[in-house]
Amino acid sequence: MIPLADAFPVHVADGKGGTFTKLGEAALKSCTEPDSVGSALAGEIDAGKGCLGESVALYKDTHDNQFNLAVFTMKDPQETVKLVTQLTMNFNDYEVAAQAPPPGSGLPTLPADSGMVQAFTGQGRAMVVGLGQWSDGRTSDYQELVDHLQPLLTSVSKNVARYETAD
């Protein structure tokens, strides 16, 4: 698995003069923890060759919007392609959970019915899932939120790709 510090930079430019700031990161005990992934994704992982691990990070932007990134390191790169394809085709099925902000972050824990967007990439054995939520939990302007998530997802995906292609 890619080390947390290599996958998740402390700061990422948002492309509009602002910055995403990392609030926390963790390596999870498994890729199928019920509080972290949905039953459909857990079933797909269990039915395949398996997953080496999942790591997650929470970021905020300058407006306190929340962005979660999860990196799943699969045992078989072909399963990465399969999972990214399946998740992309079911974009309204949220199979990766948003992480609650850590105490002292100044961010609220958003309610379960707050709006959320997700996007996916795959690099070798690694699947990267990005989630975005408005700071006020609103359920509108989704395309704007997807577009805002993209620089962060791209940055983490590039880090993961460098790690996956290193000898």
N, C-alpha and C. Protein backbone atom coordinates (compact mmCIF):
# COMPACT_ATOMS: atom_id res chain seq x y z
N MET A 1 0.84 -1.19 0.00
CA MET A 1 0.00 0.00 0.00
C MET A 1 0.87 1.24 0.00
N ILE A 2 0.37 2.28 -0.60
CA ILE A 2 1.08 3.55 -0.62
C ILE A 2 1.04 4.18 0.78
N PRO A 3 2.16 4.66 1.27
CA PRO A 3 2.17 5.32 2.57
C PRO A 3 1.23 6.53 2.57
N LEU A 4 0.58 6.76 3.70
CA LEU A 4 -0.40 7.85 3.80
C LEU A 4 0.17 9.19 3.35
N ALA A 5 1.35 9.54 3.82
CA ALA A 5 1.94 10.85 3.50
C ALA A 5 2.24 10.98 2.01
N ASP A 6 2.51 9.86 1.34
CA ASP A 6 2.77 9.90 -0.10
C ASP A 6 1.48 10.05 -0.90
N ALA A 7 0.41 9.47 -0.42
CA ALA A 7 -0.87 9.54 -1.13
C ALA A 7 -1.56 10.88 -0.93
N PHE A 8 -1.55 11.37 0.31
CA PHE A 8 -2.37 12.52 0.68
C PHE A 8 -1.50 13.71 1.08
N PRO A 9 -1.29 14.65 0.15
CA PRO A 9 -0.50 15.84 0.51
C PRO A 9 -1.23 16.70 1.54
N VAL A 10 -0.48 17.49 2.29
CA VAL A 10 -1.05 18.35 3.32
C VAL A 10 -1.91 19.44 2.68
N HIS A 11 -1.43 20.01 1.58
CA HIS A 11 -2.15 21.08 0.87
C HIS A 11 -2.19 20.76 -0.61
N VAL A 12 -3.31 21.09 -1.25
CA VAL A 12 -3.47 20.93 -2.70
C VAL A 12 -4.15 22.19 -3.22
N ALA A 13 -3.58 22.78 -4.26
CA ALA A 13 -4.20 23.96 -4.87
C ALA A 13 -5.52 23.57 -5.51
N ASP A 14 -6.52 24.43 -5.37
CA ASP A 14 -7.83 24.11 -5.93
C ASP A 14 -8.01 24.62 -7.37
N GLY A 15 -6.98 25.26 -7.92
CA GLY A 15 -7.04 25.74 -9.29
C GLY A 15 -7.74 27.08 -9.44
N LYS A 16 -8.24 27.64 -8.34
CA LYS A 16 -8.95 28.92 -8.38
C LYS A 16 -8.39 29.89 -7.34
N GLY A 17 -7.16 29.67 -6.93
CA GLY A 17 -6.53 30.55 -5.96
C GLY A 17 -6.69 30.11 -4.51
N GLY A 18 -7.44 29.04 -4.27
CA GLY A 18 -7.63 28.53 -2.92
C GLY A 18 -6.84 27.25 -2.71
N THR A 19 -7.04 26.66 -1.55
CA THR A 19 -6.28 25.46 -1.17
C THR A 19 -7.18 24.48 -0.44
N PHE A 20 -6.96 23.21 -0.73
CA PHE A 20 -7.52 22.13 0.07
C PHE A 20 -6.51 21.85 1.18
N THR A 21 -6.97 21.69 2.40
CA THR A 21 -6.10 21.41 3.54
C THR A 21 -6.51 20.08 4.16
N LYS A 22 -5.53 19.21 4.35
CA LYS A 22 -5.81 17.90 4.96
C LYS A 22 -6.03 18.08 6.45
N LEU A 23 -7.12 17.48 6.94
CA LEU A 23 -7.46 17.54 8.36
C LEU A 23 -7.12 16.25 9.09
N GLY A 24 -7.02 15.17 8.37
CA GLY A 24 -6.71 13.89 8.99
C GLY A 24 -6.60 12.81 7.96
N GLU A 25 -5.96 11.71 8.36
CA GLU A 25 -5.79 10.55 7.47
C GLU A 25 -5.68 9.32 8.34
N ALA A 26 -5.99 8.18 7.75
CA ALA A 26 -5.90 6.93 8.50
C ALA A 26 -5.82 5.75 7.54
N ALA A 27 -5.14 4.72 7.99
CA ALA A 27 -5.16 3.43 7.31
C ALA A 27 -6.18 2.57 8.07
N LEU A 28 -7.15 2.05 7.36
CA LEU A 28 -8.21 1.26 8.01
C LEU A 28 -7.78 -0.19 8.17
N LYS A 29 -8.43 -0.88 9.08
CA LYS A 29 -8.08 -2.27 9.38
C LYS A 29 -8.43 -3.21 8.24
N SER A 30 -9.47 -2.87 7.48
CA SER A 30 -9.84 -3.70 6.33
C SER A 30 -10.52 -2.84 5.29
N CYS A 31 -10.68 -3.38 4.10
CA CYS A 31 -11.34 -2.67 3.00
C CYS A 31 -12.85 -2.82 3.04
N THR A 32 -13.35 -3.60 3.97
CA THR A 32 -14.78 -3.90 3.98
C THR A 32 -15.44 -3.59 5.32
N GLU A 33 -14.87 -2.65 6.07
CA GLU A 33 -15.47 -2.27 7.35
C GLU A 33 -16.86 -1.69 7.10
N PRO A 34 -17.88 -2.16 7.82
CA PRO A 34 -19.25 -1.70 7.57
C PRO A 34 -19.45 -0.19 7.68
N ASP A 35 -18.70 0.50 8.52
CA ASP A 35 -18.85 1.94 8.65
C ASP A 35 -18.12 2.71 7.55
N SER A 36 -17.36 1.99 6.73
CA SER A 36 -16.55 2.63 5.70
C SER A 36 -17.05 2.36 4.29
N VAL A 37 -17.56 1.15 4.04
CA VAL A 37 -18.02 0.81 2.69
C VAL A 37 -19.40 0.17 2.76
N GLY A 38 -20.14 0.33 1.66
CA GLY A 38 -21.46 -0.26 1.56
C GLY A 38 -21.40 -1.75 1.27
N SER A 39 -22.52 -2.39 1.42
CA SER A 39 -22.57 -3.86 1.27
C SER A 39 -22.27 -4.31 -0.15
N ALA A 40 -22.68 -3.54 -1.15
CA ALA A 40 -22.41 -3.96 -2.54
C ALA A 40 -20.91 -3.94 -2.83
N LEU A 41 -20.21 -2.89 -2.43
CA LEU A 41 -18.77 -2.81 -2.65
C LEU A 41 -18.05 -3.87 -1.82
N ALA A 42 -18.45 -4.05 -0.58
CA ALA A 42 -17.82 -5.08 0.26
C ALA A 42 -18.00 -6.45 -0.37
N GLY A 43 -19.19 -6.71 -0.91
CA GLY A 43 -19.44 -8.00 -1.57
C GLY A 43 -18.56 -8.21 -2.79
N GLU A 44 -18.39 -7.15 -3.59
CA GLU A 44 -17.53 -7.25 -4.78
C GLU A 44 -16.08 -7.51 -4.38
N ILE A 45 -15.61 -6.83 -3.34
CA ILE A 45 -14.24 -7.03 -2.88
C ILE A 45 -14.06 -8.46 -2.36
N ASP A 46 -15.01 -8.93 -1.56
CA ASP A 46 -14.93 -10.28 -1.01
C ASP A 46 -15.03 -11.36 -2.08
N ALA A 47 -15.79 -11.09 -3.14
CA ALA A 47 -15.97 -12.07 -4.21
C ALA A 47 -14.74 -12.16 -5.12
N GLY A 48 -13.90 -11.14 -5.10
CA GLY A 48 -12.72 -11.12 -5.96
C GLY A 48 -11.50 -11.66 -5.24
N LYS A 49 -10.35 -11.24 -5.70
CA LYS A 49 -9.08 -11.69 -5.12
C LYS A 49 -8.73 -10.94 -3.85
N GLY A 50 -9.49 -9.90 -3.55
CA GLY A 50 -9.30 -9.21 -2.28
C GLY A 50 -8.59 -7.88 -2.39
N CYS A 51 -8.44 -7.28 -1.25
CA CYS A 51 -7.90 -5.93 -1.12
C CYS A 51 -6.80 -5.94 -0.06
N LEU A 52 -5.70 -5.27 -0.35
CA LEU A 52 -4.60 -5.20 0.60
C LEU A 52 -4.85 -4.20 1.72
N GLY A 53 -5.66 -3.17 1.42
CA GLY A 53 -5.96 -2.18 2.45
C GLY A 53 -6.64 -0.96 1.89
N GLU A 54 -7.21 -0.18 2.80
CA GLU A 54 -7.86 1.07 2.45
C GLU A 54 -7.29 2.17 3.33
N SER A 55 -7.02 3.30 2.73
CA SER A 55 -6.61 4.48 3.49
C SER A 55 -7.53 5.63 3.11
N VAL A 56 -7.76 6.50 4.07
CA VAL A 56 -8.69 7.60 3.87
C VAL A 56 -8.08 8.91 4.36
N ALA A 57 -8.57 10.01 3.79
CA ALA A 57 -8.16 11.33 4.25
C ALA A 57 -9.34 12.28 4.11
N LEU A 58 -9.41 13.24 5.00
CA LEU A 58 -10.43 14.28 4.97
C LEU A 58 -9.75 15.62 4.72
N TYR A 59 -10.31 16.36 3.77
CA TYR A 59 -9.82 17.70 3.45
C TYR A 59 -10.96 18.70 3.58
N LYS A 60 -10.59 19.96 3.74
CA LYS A 60 -11.55 21.05 3.64
C LYS A 60 -10.96 22.08 2.69
N ASP A 61 -11.84 22.89 2.12
CA ASP A 61 -11.36 23.98 1.29
C ASP A 61 -11.48 25.29 2.06
N THR A 62 -11.22 26.39 1.40
CA THR A 62 -11.24 27.69 2.08
C THR A 62 -12.65 28.10 2.53
N HIS A 63 -13.68 27.41 2.03
CA HIS A 63 -15.06 27.69 2.43
C HIS A 63 -15.61 26.62 3.36
N ASP A 64 -14.75 25.77 3.89
CA ASP A 64 -15.10 24.68 4.80
C ASP A 64 -15.97 23.59 4.18
N ASN A 65 -15.98 23.51 2.83
CA ASN A 65 -16.61 22.36 2.19
C ASN A 65 -15.74 21.14 2.51
N GLN A 66 -16.35 19.97 2.60
CA GLN A 66 -15.64 18.77 3.03
C GLN A 66 -15.41 17.81 1.87
N PHE A 67 -14.21 17.25 1.82
CA PHE A 67 -13.82 16.34 0.76
C PHE A 67 -13.13 15.13 1.36
N ASN A 68 -13.65 13.95 1.05
CA ASN A 68 -13.08 12.70 1.53
C ASN A 68 -12.42 11.98 0.36
N LEU A 69 -11.25 11.43 0.61
CA LEU A 69 -10.58 10.61 -0.38
C LEU A 69 -10.32 9.26 0.24
N ALA A 70 -10.57 8.20 -0.53
CA ALA A 70 -10.29 6.84 -0.08
C ALA A 70 -9.48 6.14 -1.16
N VAL A 71 -8.43 5.46 -0.75
CA VAL A 71 -7.61 4.68 -1.68
C VAL A 71 -7.71 3.22 -1.26
N PHE A 72 -8.22 2.41 -2.18
CA PHE A 72 -8.31 0.97 -1.98
C PHE A 72 -7.20 0.34 -2.80
N THR A 73 -6.32 -0.43 -2.17
CA THR A 73 -5.26 -1.12 -2.90
C THR A 73 -5.69 -2.58 -3.07
N MET A 74 -6.06 -2.91 -4.30
CA MET A 74 -6.55 -4.24 -4.62
C MET A 74 -5.38 -5.19 -4.87
N LYS A 75 -5.62 -6.47 -4.74
CA LYS A 75 -4.58 -7.46 -5.03
C LYS A 75 -4.39 -7.63 -6.53
N ASP A 76 -5.45 -7.42 -7.30
CA ASP A 76 -5.44 -7.63 -8.75
C ASP A 76 -5.83 -6.34 -9.46
N PRO A 77 -4.96 -5.79 -10.33
CA PRO A 77 -5.28 -4.54 -11.02
C PRO A 77 -6.55 -4.64 -11.89
N GLN A 78 -6.87 -5.84 -12.38
CA GLN A 78 -8.09 -5.99 -13.18
C GLN A 78 -9.34 -5.74 -12.34
N GLU A 79 -9.27 -6.05 -11.07
CA GLU A 79 -10.40 -5.78 -10.19
C GLU A 79 -10.57 -4.28 -9.96
N THR A 80 -9.47 -3.53 -10.00
CA THR A 80 -9.57 -2.08 -9.88
C THR A 80 -10.41 -1.53 -11.02
N VAL A 81 -10.12 -1.96 -12.24
CA VAL A 81 -10.87 -1.50 -13.41
C VAL A 81 -12.34 -1.87 -13.28
N LYS A 82 -12.61 -3.09 -12.87
CA LYS A 82 -13.99 -3.56 -12.71
C LYS A 82 -14.74 -2.72 -11.68
N LEU A 83 -14.13 -2.49 -10.53
CA LEU A 83 -14.79 -1.73 -9.47
C LEU A 83 -15.02 -0.27 -9.86
N VAL A 84 -14.03 0.36 -10.47
CA VAL A 84 -14.20 1.75 -10.90
C VAL A 84 -15.34 1.85 -11.91
N THR A 85 -15.40 0.91 -12.84
CA THR A 85 -16.47 0.90 -13.84
C THR A 85 -17.84 0.73 -13.18
N GLN A 86 -17.95 -0.23 -12.28
CA GLN A 86 -19.23 -0.47 -11.61
C GLN A 86 -19.67 0.73 -10.78
N LEU A 87 -18.76 1.31 -10.03
CA LEU A 87 -19.10 2.45 -9.19
C LEU A 87 -19.48 3.67 -10.03
N THR A 88 -18.78 3.89 -11.13
CA THR A 88 -19.07 5.01 -12.01
C THR A 88 -20.46 4.87 -12.64
N MET A 89 -20.81 3.66 -13.01
CA MET A 89 -22.11 3.42 -13.64
C MET A 89 -23.26 3.62 -12.65
N ASN A 90 -23.00 3.46 -11.37
CA ASN A 90 -24.02 3.62 -10.33
C ASN A 90 -23.69 4.83 -9.48
N PHE A 91 -23.56 6.00 -10.11
CA PHE A 91 -23.04 7.18 -9.43
C PHE A 91 -23.93 7.68 -8.29
N ASN A 92 -25.17 7.24 -8.24
CA ASN A 92 -26.06 7.64 -7.13
C ASN A 92 -26.05 6.64 -5.98
N ASP A 93 -25.26 5.58 -6.11
CA ASP A 93 -25.14 4.56 -5.07
C ASP A 93 -23.84 4.83 -4.32
N TYR A 94 -23.96 5.38 -3.13
CA TYR A 94 -22.78 5.76 -2.36
C TYR A 94 -22.29 4.56 -1.57
N GLU A 95 -21.24 3.92 -2.07
CA GLU A 95 -20.68 2.72 -1.46
C GLU A 95 -19.48 3.02 -0.58
N VAL A 96 -19.01 4.26 -0.57
CA VAL A 96 -17.90 4.66 0.30
C VAL A 96 -18.43 5.77 1.20
N ALA A 97 -18.22 5.60 2.49
CA ALA A 97 -18.77 6.55 3.46
C ALA A 97 -17.90 7.79 3.60
N ALA A 98 -18.56 8.90 3.86
CA ALA A 98 -17.85 10.13 4.22
C ALA A 98 -17.37 10.01 5.66
N GLN A 99 -16.18 10.49 5.92
CA GLN A 99 -15.62 10.44 7.26
C GLN A 99 -16.06 11.68 8.04
N ALA A 100 -16.33 11.53 9.30
CA ALA A 100 -16.69 12.66 10.15
C ALA A 100 -15.46 13.51 10.43
N PRO A 101 -15.63 14.82 10.48
CA PRO A 101 -14.49 15.68 10.79
C PRO A 101 -13.93 15.40 12.18
N PRO A 102 -12.62 15.51 12.34
CA PRO A 102 -12.05 15.28 13.66
C PRO A 102 -12.41 16.41 14.63
N PRO A 103 -12.45 16.11 15.92
CA PRO A 103 -12.70 17.15 16.92
C PRO A 103 -11.67 18.27 16.76
N GLY A 104 -12.12 19.49 16.94
CA GLY A 104 -11.21 20.62 16.85
C GLY A 104 -10.98 21.14 15.44
N SER A 105 -11.60 20.50 14.44
CA SER A 105 -11.40 20.92 13.05
C SER A 105 -12.21 22.16 12.71
N GLY A 106 -13.23 22.44 13.53
CA GLY A 106 -14.12 23.55 13.24
C GLY A 106 -15.20 23.22 12.23
N LEU A 107 -15.22 22.00 11.73
CA LEU A 107 -16.22 21.59 10.75
C LEU A 107 -17.34 20.81 11.43
N PRO A 108 -18.56 21.01 10.97
CA PRO A 108 -19.67 20.24 11.53
C PRO A 108 -19.70 18.83 10.92
N THR A 109 -20.26 17.90 11.66
CA THR A 109 -20.57 16.59 11.07
C THR A 109 -21.88 16.78 10.33
N LEU A 110 -21.83 16.62 9.02
CA LEU A 110 -23.00 16.87 8.20
C LEU A 110 -24.02 15.74 8.35
N PRO A 111 -25.31 16.05 8.28
CA PRO A 111 -26.34 15.02 8.42
C PRO A 111 -26.31 14.05 7.22
N ALA A 112 -26.87 12.87 7.45
CA ALA A 112 -26.87 11.82 6.43
C ALA A 112 -27.57 12.25 5.15
N ASP A 113 -28.53 13.16 5.23
CA ASP A 113 -29.27 13.57 4.04
C ASP A 113 -28.66 14.79 3.34
N SER A 114 -27.47 15.20 3.75
CA SER A 114 -26.83 16.33 3.05
C SER A 114 -26.36 15.85 1.68
N GLY A 115 -26.28 16.79 0.76
CA GLY A 115 -25.88 16.44 -0.60
C GLY A 115 -24.44 15.99 -0.68
N MET A 116 -24.18 15.05 -1.59
CA MET A 116 -22.82 14.54 -1.75
C MET A 116 -22.62 14.16 -3.20
N VAL A 117 -21.39 14.34 -3.68
CA VAL A 117 -21.00 13.88 -5.01
C VAL A 117 -19.83 12.92 -4.83
N GLN A 118 -19.61 12.10 -5.86
CA GLN A 118 -18.49 11.18 -5.81
C GLN A 118 -17.88 11.04 -7.20
N ALA A 119 -16.60 10.70 -7.24
CA ALA A 119 -15.89 10.47 -8.49
C ALA A 119 -14.83 9.40 -8.22
N PHE A 120 -14.40 8.71 -9.29
CA PHE A 120 -13.54 7.55 -9.14
C PHE A 120 -12.42 7.56 -10.17
N THR A 121 -11.26 7.06 -9.76
CA THR A 121 -10.16 6.83 -10.70
C THR A 121 -9.51 5.51 -10.32
N GLY A 122 -8.77 4.96 -11.26
CA GLY A 122 -8.03 3.73 -11.00
C GLY A 122 -6.63 3.84 -11.58
N GLN A 123 -5.64 3.41 -10.80
CA GLN A 123 -4.24 3.40 -11.22
C GLN A 123 -3.62 2.10 -10.77
N GLY A 124 -3.36 1.20 -11.70
CA GLY A 124 -2.78 -0.08 -11.31
C GLY A 124 -3.69 -0.81 -10.35
N ARG A 125 -3.16 -1.14 -9.18
CA ARG A 125 -3.96 -1.85 -8.17
C ARG A 125 -4.83 -0.93 -7.34
N ALA A 126 -4.67 0.37 -7.48
CA ALA A 126 -5.32 1.32 -6.58
C ALA A 126 -6.56 1.98 -7.20
N MET A 127 -7.64 1.94 -6.44
CA MET A 127 -8.86 2.67 -6.79
C MET A 127 -8.96 3.86 -5.83
N VAL A 128 -9.16 5.05 -6.41
CA VAL A 128 -9.30 6.25 -5.61
C VAL A 128 -10.74 6.73 -5.73
N VAL A 129 -11.36 6.96 -4.59
CA VAL A 129 -12.73 7.46 -4.53
C VAL A 129 -12.69 8.84 -3.87
N GLY A 130 -13.29 9.80 -4.53
CA GLY A 130 -13.39 11.15 -3.98
C GLY A 130 -14.84 11.50 -3.71
N LEU A 131 -15.10 12.06 -2.54
CA LEU A 131 -16.44 12.51 -2.16
C LEU A 131 -16.37 13.99 -1.82
N GLY A 132 -17.42 14.72 -2.16
CA GLY A 132 -17.48 16.14 -1.83
C GLY A 132 -18.83 16.51 -1.26
N GLN A 133 -18.82 17.40 -0.26
CA GLN A 133 -20.04 17.89 0.37
C GLN A 133 -19.90 19.39 0.62
N TRP A 134 -20.97 20.13 0.35
CA TRP A 134 -20.99 21.55 0.66
C TRP A 134 -20.97 21.73 2.18
N SER A 135 -20.38 22.80 2.63
CA SER A 135 -20.28 23.07 4.07
C SER A 135 -21.64 23.20 4.74
N ASP A 136 -22.65 23.64 3.98
CA ASP A 136 -23.99 23.80 4.56
C ASP A 136 -24.88 22.58 4.30
N GLY A 137 -24.32 21.53 3.67
CA GLY A 137 -25.08 20.31 3.43
C GLY A 137 -26.11 20.42 2.33
N ARG A 138 -26.13 21.52 1.58
CA ARG A 138 -27.18 21.72 0.57
C ARG A 138 -27.17 20.62 -0.49
N THR A 139 -28.31 20.45 -1.10
CA THR A 139 -28.51 19.39 -2.09
C THR A 139 -28.73 20.00 -3.47
N SER A 140 -27.84 20.89 -3.85
CA SER A 140 -27.92 21.52 -5.17
C SER A 140 -26.50 21.84 -5.65
N ASP A 141 -26.42 22.32 -6.86
CA ASP A 141 -25.14 22.73 -7.46
C ASP A 141 -24.13 21.58 -7.49
N TYR A 142 -24.63 20.39 -7.81
CA TYR A 142 -23.77 19.20 -7.79
C TYR A 142 -22.64 19.26 -8.81
N GLN A 143 -22.91 19.73 -10.02
CA GLN A 143 -21.84 19.77 -11.01
C GLN A 143 -20.72 20.70 -10.57
N GLU A 144 -21.07 21.81 -9.95
CA GLU A 144 -20.06 22.73 -9.41
C GLU A 144 -19.22 22.03 -8.34
N LEU A 145 -19.85 21.22 -7.52
CA LEU A 145 -19.12 20.50 -6.47
C LEU A 145 -18.22 19.42 -7.08
N VAL A 146 -18.71 18.72 -8.10
CA VAL A 146 -17.88 17.72 -8.80
C VAL A 146 -16.66 18.41 -9.40
N ASP A 147 -16.88 19.55 -10.06
CA ASP A 147 -15.77 20.29 -10.67
C ASP A 147 -14.77 20.76 -9.61
N HIS A 148 -15.27 21.14 -8.45
CA HIS A 148 -14.39 21.61 -7.38
C HIS A 148 -13.59 20.46 -6.76
N LEU A 149 -14.17 19.27 -6.73
CA LEU A 149 -13.49 18.08 -6.20
C LEU A 149 -12.33 17.65 -7.11
N GLN A 150 -12.45 17.91 -8.40
CA GLN A 150 -11.53 17.35 -9.39
C GLN A 150 -10.05 17.61 -9.12
N PRO A 151 -9.61 18.85 -8.80
CA PRO A 151 -8.17 19.05 -8.57
C PRO A 151 -7.62 18.20 -7.42
N LEU A 152 -8.41 18.00 -6.38
CA LEU A 152 -7.97 17.18 -5.26
C LEU A 152 -7.90 15.71 -5.66
N LEU A 153 -8.92 15.23 -6.34
CA LEU A 153 -8.93 13.84 -6.82
C LEU A 153 -7.77 13.60 -7.77
N THR A 154 -7.51 14.54 -8.65
CA THR A 154 -6.41 14.42 -9.61
C THR A 154 -5.06 14.37 -8.90
N SER A 155 -4.87 15.22 -7.91
CA SER A 155 -3.60 15.26 -7.18
C SER A 155 -3.33 13.93 -6.47
N VAL A 156 -4.32 13.43 -5.74
CA VAL A 156 -4.15 12.16 -5.03
C VAL A 156 -3.96 11.02 -6.03
N SER A 157 -4.72 11.03 -7.11
CA SER A 157 -4.60 9.98 -8.13
C SER A 157 -3.21 9.97 -8.76
N LYS A 158 -2.65 11.15 -9.02
CA LYS A 158 -1.29 11.22 -9.57
C LYS A 158 -0.27 10.67 -8.58
N ASN A 159 -0.43 10.98 -7.30
CA ASN A 159 0.48 10.43 -6.28
C ASN A 159 0.40 8.91 -6.26
N VAL A 160 -0.80 8.40 -6.30
CA VAL A 160 -1.00 6.95 -6.28
C VAL A 160 -0.42 6.33 -7.54
N ALA A 161 -0.63 6.96 -8.70
CA ALA A 161 -0.11 6.43 -9.96
C ALA A 161 1.42 6.37 -9.93
N ARG A 162 2.06 7.41 -9.39
CA ARG A 162 3.54 7.40 -9.29
C ARG A 162 4.00 6.22 -8.44
N TYR A 163 3.31 5.99 -7.36
CA TYR A 163 3.66 4.88 -6.48
C TYR A 163 3.43 3.54 -7.17
N GLU A 164 2.33 3.42 -7.87
CA GLU A 164 1.99 2.17 -8.55
C GLU A 164 2.93 1.85 -9.70
N THR A 165 3.52 2.87 -10.34
CA THR A 165 4.40 2.62 -11.47
C THR A 165 5.88 2.59 -11.08
N ALA A 166 6.19 2.91 -9.83
CA ALA A 166 7.59 2.88 -9.37
C ALA A 166 8.08 1.44 -9.32
N ASP A 167 9.32 1.29 -9.63
CA ASP A 167 9.92 -0.07 -9.60
C ASP A 167 10.28 -0.46 -8.19
